[in-house]
Amino acid sequence: MEDKRVTVAEECVEPELLGPGASPRGQDANGPRPEEVFASRPAEKPGIFTRLKMFLAGLLALVAVGLFLLGAVLTSTIIGAIIGIPLILAGVAVFFLLFKLLTLGGKPPVVFRRF
């Protein structure tokens, strides 16, 4: 059998993670590198909208888990299943709303460039 491991002498293309509108480091020599930008400025406190969003997300997560667990416990009997199954579905719906809230106003995802 042949040895198919990559050696140091062989050329290969390594992918880079780039944000939208970003350029590889070698092409933009005028601006500071990302490591220098993050190292020079202190971390900012989240704004009021972000804090409110985090609070609502935590509250929705607790409500969703509570509804889901209550519905799961109630489904142990036939009479309880009449109430428990809608509670489980309500918990799933609240989880869906939670993830919609968390993605509201977010940045675009990272783009993988193909060479």
C-alpha atoms as a PDB file:
ATOM      1  CA  MET A   1       0.000   0.000   0.000  1.00  0.00           C
ATOM      2  CA  GLU A   2       1.063   3.549  -0.606  1.00  0.00           C
ATOM      3  CA  ASP A   3       1.718   6.017   2.171  1.00  0.00           C
ATOM      4  CA  LYS A   4      -0.822   8.846   1.684  1.00  0.00           C
ATOM      5  CA  ARG A   5       0.281  11.144   4.497  1.00  0.00           C
ATOM      6  CA  VAL A   6       1.126  14.744   3.619  1.00  0.00           C
ATOM      7  CA  THR A   7       4.776  15.609   4.083  1.00  0.00           C
ATOM      8  CA  VAL A   8       6.308  19.011   4.762  1.00  0.00           C
ATOM      9  CA  ALA A   9       7.645  19.302   1.216  1.00  0.00           C
ATOM     10  CA  GLU A  10       4.251  18.852  -0.455  1.00  0.00           C
ATOM     11  CA  GLU A  11       2.164  21.901  -1.257  1.00  0.00           C
ATOM     12  CA  CYS A  12      -1.342  22.124   0.119  1.00  0.00           C
ATOM     13  CA  VAL A  13      -4.027  24.786   0.489  1.00  0.00           C
ATOM     14  CA  GLU A  14      -5.159  25.662   4.002  1.00  0.00           C
ATOM     15  CA  PRO A  15      -8.616  27.265   4.355  1.00  0.00           C
ATOM     16  CA  GLU A  16      -9.013  30.573   6.178  1.00  0.00           C
ATOM     17  CA  LEU A  17     -12.004  31.764   8.163  1.00  0.00           C
ATOM     18  CA  LEU A  18     -13.024  35.222   7.009  1.00  0.00           C
ATOM     19  CA  GLY A  19     -15.850  37.446   8.084  1.00  0.00           C
ATOM     20  CA  PRO A  20     -18.082  39.113   5.498  1.00  0.00           C
ATOM     21  CA  GLY A  21     -16.106  41.747   3.590  1.00  0.00           C
ATOM     22  CA  ALA A  22     -12.791  40.751   5.194  1.00  0.00           C
ATOM     23  CA  SER A  23      -9.646  40.107   3.251  1.00  0.00           C
ATOM     24  CA  PRO A  24      -6.812  37.695   3.981  1.00  0.00           C
ATOM     25  CA  ARG A  25      -3.975  39.114   6.074  1.00  0.00           C
ATOM     26  CA  GLY A  26      -1.483  39.219   3.242  1.00  0.00           C
ATOM     27  CA  GLN A  27      -3.652  41.420   1.016  1.00  0.00           C
ATOM     28  CA  ASP A  28      -4.392  44.238   3.496  1.00  0.00           C
ATOM     29  CA  ALA A  29      -1.129  45.410   5.026  1.00  0.00           C
ATOM     30  CA  ASN A  30      -2.397  48.928   5.942  1.00  0.00           C
ATOM     31  CA  GLY A  31      -4.731  48.071   8.822  1.00  0.00           C
ATOM     32  CA  PRO A  32      -3.802  46.533  12.158  1.00  0.00           C
ATOM     33  CA  ARG A  33      -4.028  42.806  12.623  1.00  0.00           C
ATOM     34  CA  PRO A  34      -7.091  41.522  14.541  1.00  0.00           C
ATOM     35  CA  GLU A  35      -4.924  40.392  17.456  1.00  0.00           C
ATOM     36  CA  GLU A  36      -3.594  43.937  17.885  1.00  0.00           C
ATOM     37  CA  VAL A  37      -7.059  45.515  17.746  1.00  0.00           C
ATOM     38  CA  PHE A  38      -8.513  43.255  20.427  1.00  0.00           C
ATOM     39  CA  ALA A  39      -5.457  43.554  22.658  1.00  0.00           C
ATOM     40  CA  SER A  40      -5.420  47.366  22.639  1.00  0.00           C
ATOM     41  CA  ARG A  41      -9.007  48.175  23.677  1.00  0.00           C
ATOM     42  CA  PRO A  42     -10.813  47.064  26.835  1.00  0.00           C
ATOM     43  CA  ALA A  43     -13.908  44.915  26.682  1.00  0.00           C
ATOM     44  CA  GLU A  44     -17.146  46.869  26.384  1.00  0.00           C
ATOM     45  CA  LYS A  45     -20.142  46.279  28.627  1.00  0.00           C
ATOM     46  CA  PRO A  46     -23.221  45.051  26.784  1.00  0.00           C
ATOM     47  CA  GLY A  47     -25.856  47.663  26.005  1.00  0.00           C
ATOM     48  CA  ILE A  48     -29.332  47.841  27.505  1.00  0.00           C
ATOM     49  CA  PHE A  49     -30.892  46.013  24.538  1.00  0.00           C
ATOM     50  CA  THR A  50     -28.388  43.168  24.860  1.00  0.00           C
ATOM     51  CA  ARG A  51     -28.957  42.892  28.617  1.00  0.00           C
ATOM     52  CA  LEU A  52     -32.728  42.858  28.131  1.00  0.00           C
ATOM     53  CA  LYS A  53     -32.352  40.240  25.406  1.00  0.00           C
ATOM     54  CA  MET A  54     -30.214  38.054  27.702  1.00  0.00           C
ATOM     55  CA  PHE A  55     -32.742  38.394  30.541  1.00  0.00           C
ATOM     56  CA  LEU A  56     -35.658  37.456  28.294  1.00  0.00           C
ATOM     57  CA  ALA A  57     -33.693  34.531  26.855  1.00  0.00           C
ATOM     58  CA  GLY A  58     -33.003  33.176  30.337  1.00  0.00           C
ATOM     59  CA  LEU A  59     -36.630  33.633  31.360  1.00  0.00           C
ATOM     60  CA  LEU A  60     -37.880  31.931  28.202  1.00  0.00           C
ATOM     61  CA  ALA A  61     -35.443  29.046  28.710  1.00  0.00           C
ATOM     62  CA  LEU A  62     -36.718  28.478  32.257  1.00  0.00           C
ATOM     63  CA  VAL A  63     -40.354  28.620  31.127  1.00  0.00           C
ATOM     64  CA  ALA A  64     -39.684  26.220  28.239  1.00  0.00           C
ATOM     65  CA  VAL A  65     -37.898  23.691  30.446  1.00  0.00           C
ATOM     66  CA  GLY A  66     -40.626  23.961  33.076  1.00  0.00           C
ATOM     67  CA  LEU A  67     -43.424  23.397  30.565  1.00  0.00           C
ATOM     68  CA  PHE A  68     -41.594  20.510  28.935  1.00  0.00           C
ATOM     69  CA  LEU A  69     -40.814  18.736  32.222  1.00  0.00           C
ATOM     70  CA  LEU A  70     -44.308  19.302  33.633  1.00  0.00           C
ATOM     71  CA  GLY A  71     -45.816  17.880  30.461  1.00  0.00           C
ATOM     72  CA  ALA A  72     -43.465  14.889  30.573  1.00  0.00           C
ATOM     73  CA  VAL A  73     -44.419  14.103  34.181  1.00  0.00           C
ATOM     74  CA  LEU A  74     -48.145  14.426  33.459  1.00  0.00           C
ATOM     75  CA  THR A  75     -48.043  11.994  30.534  1.00  0.00           C
ATOM     76  CA  SER A  76     -47.602   9.023  32.884  1.00  0.00           C
ATOM     77  CA  THR A  77     -51.390   8.572  33.010  1.00  0.00           C
ATOM     78  CA  ILE A  78     -53.997   8.683  30.252  1.00  0.00           C
ATOM     79  CA  ILE A  79     -55.882  11.580  31.846  1.00  0.00           C
ATOM     80  CA  GLY A  80     -52.612  13.468  32.400  1.00  0.00           C
ATOM     81  CA  ALA A  81     -51.604  12.938  28.773  1.00  0.00           C
ATOM     82  CA  ILE A  82     -54.560  15.063  27.700  1.00  0.00           C
ATOM     83  CA  ILE A  83     -52.938  17.979  29.546  1.00  0.00           C
ATOM     84  CA  GLY A  84     -49.291  16.882  29.312  1.00  0.00           C
ATOM     85  CA  ILE A  85     -48.907  16.578  25.540  1.00  0.00           C
ATOM     86  CA  PRO A  86     -50.069  20.168  24.868  1.00  0.00           C
ATOM     87  CA  LEU A  87     -47.682  21.340  27.624  1.00  0.00           C
ATOM     88  CA  ILE A  88     -44.799  19.544  25.903  1.00  0.00           C
ATOM     89  CA  LEU A  89     -45.756  21.163  22.581  1.00  0.00           C
ATOM     90  CA  ALA A  90     -45.979  24.566  24.312  1.00  0.00           C
ATOM     91  CA  GLY A  91     -42.471  24.025  25.750  1.00  0.00           C
ATOM     92  CA  VAL A  92     -41.133  23.231  22.279  1.00  0.00           C
ATOM     93  CA  ALA A  93     -42.843  26.349  20.894  1.00  0.00           C
ATOM     94  CA  VAL A  94     -41.235  28.494  23.608  1.00  0.00           C
ATOM     95  CA  PHE A  95     -37.814  26.975  22.747  1.00  0.00           C
ATOM     96  CA  PHE A  96     -38.444  27.938  19.118  1.00  0.00           C
ATOM     97  CA  LEU A  97     -39.275  31.505  20.181  1.00  0.00           C
ATOM     98  CA  LEU A  98     -36.154  31.552  22.338  1.00  0.00           C
ATOM     99  CA  PHE A  99     -33.895  30.746  19.403  1.00  0.00           C
ATOM    100  CA  LYS A 100     -35.698  33.279  17.222  1.00  0.00           C
ATOM    101  CA  LEU A 101     -35.082  35.914  19.933  1.00  0.00           C
ATOM    102  CA  LEU A 102     -31.402  35.011  20.207  1.00  0.00           C
ATOM    103  CA  THR A 103     -30.836  35.393  16.455  1.00  0.00           C
ATOM    104  CA  LEU A 104     -32.693  38.696  16.254  1.00  0.00           C
ATOM    105  CA  GLY A 105     -30.348  41.442  15.035  1.00  0.00           C
ATOM    106  CA  GLY A 106     -27.289  39.187  14.915  1.00  0.00           C
ATOM    107  CA  LYS A 107     -24.249  39.533  12.712  1.00  0.00           C
ATOM    108  CA  PRO A 108     -24.067  37.545   9.475  1.00  0.00           C
ATOM    109  CA  PRO A 109     -22.358  34.151   9.749  1.00  0.00           C
ATOM    110  CA  VAL A 110     -18.695  33.529   8.934  1.00  0.00           C
ATOM    111  CA  VAL A 111     -18.006  32.862   5.253  1.00  0.00           C
ATOM    112  CA  PHE A 112     -15.680  30.109   4.053  1.00  0.00           C
ATOM    113  CA  ARG A 113     -13.919  31.198   0.901  1.00  0.00           C
ATOM    114  CA  ARG A 114     -13.091  28.599  -1.702  1.00  0.00           C
ATOM    115  CA  PHE A 115      -9.815  28.791  -3.551  1.00  0.00           C
END
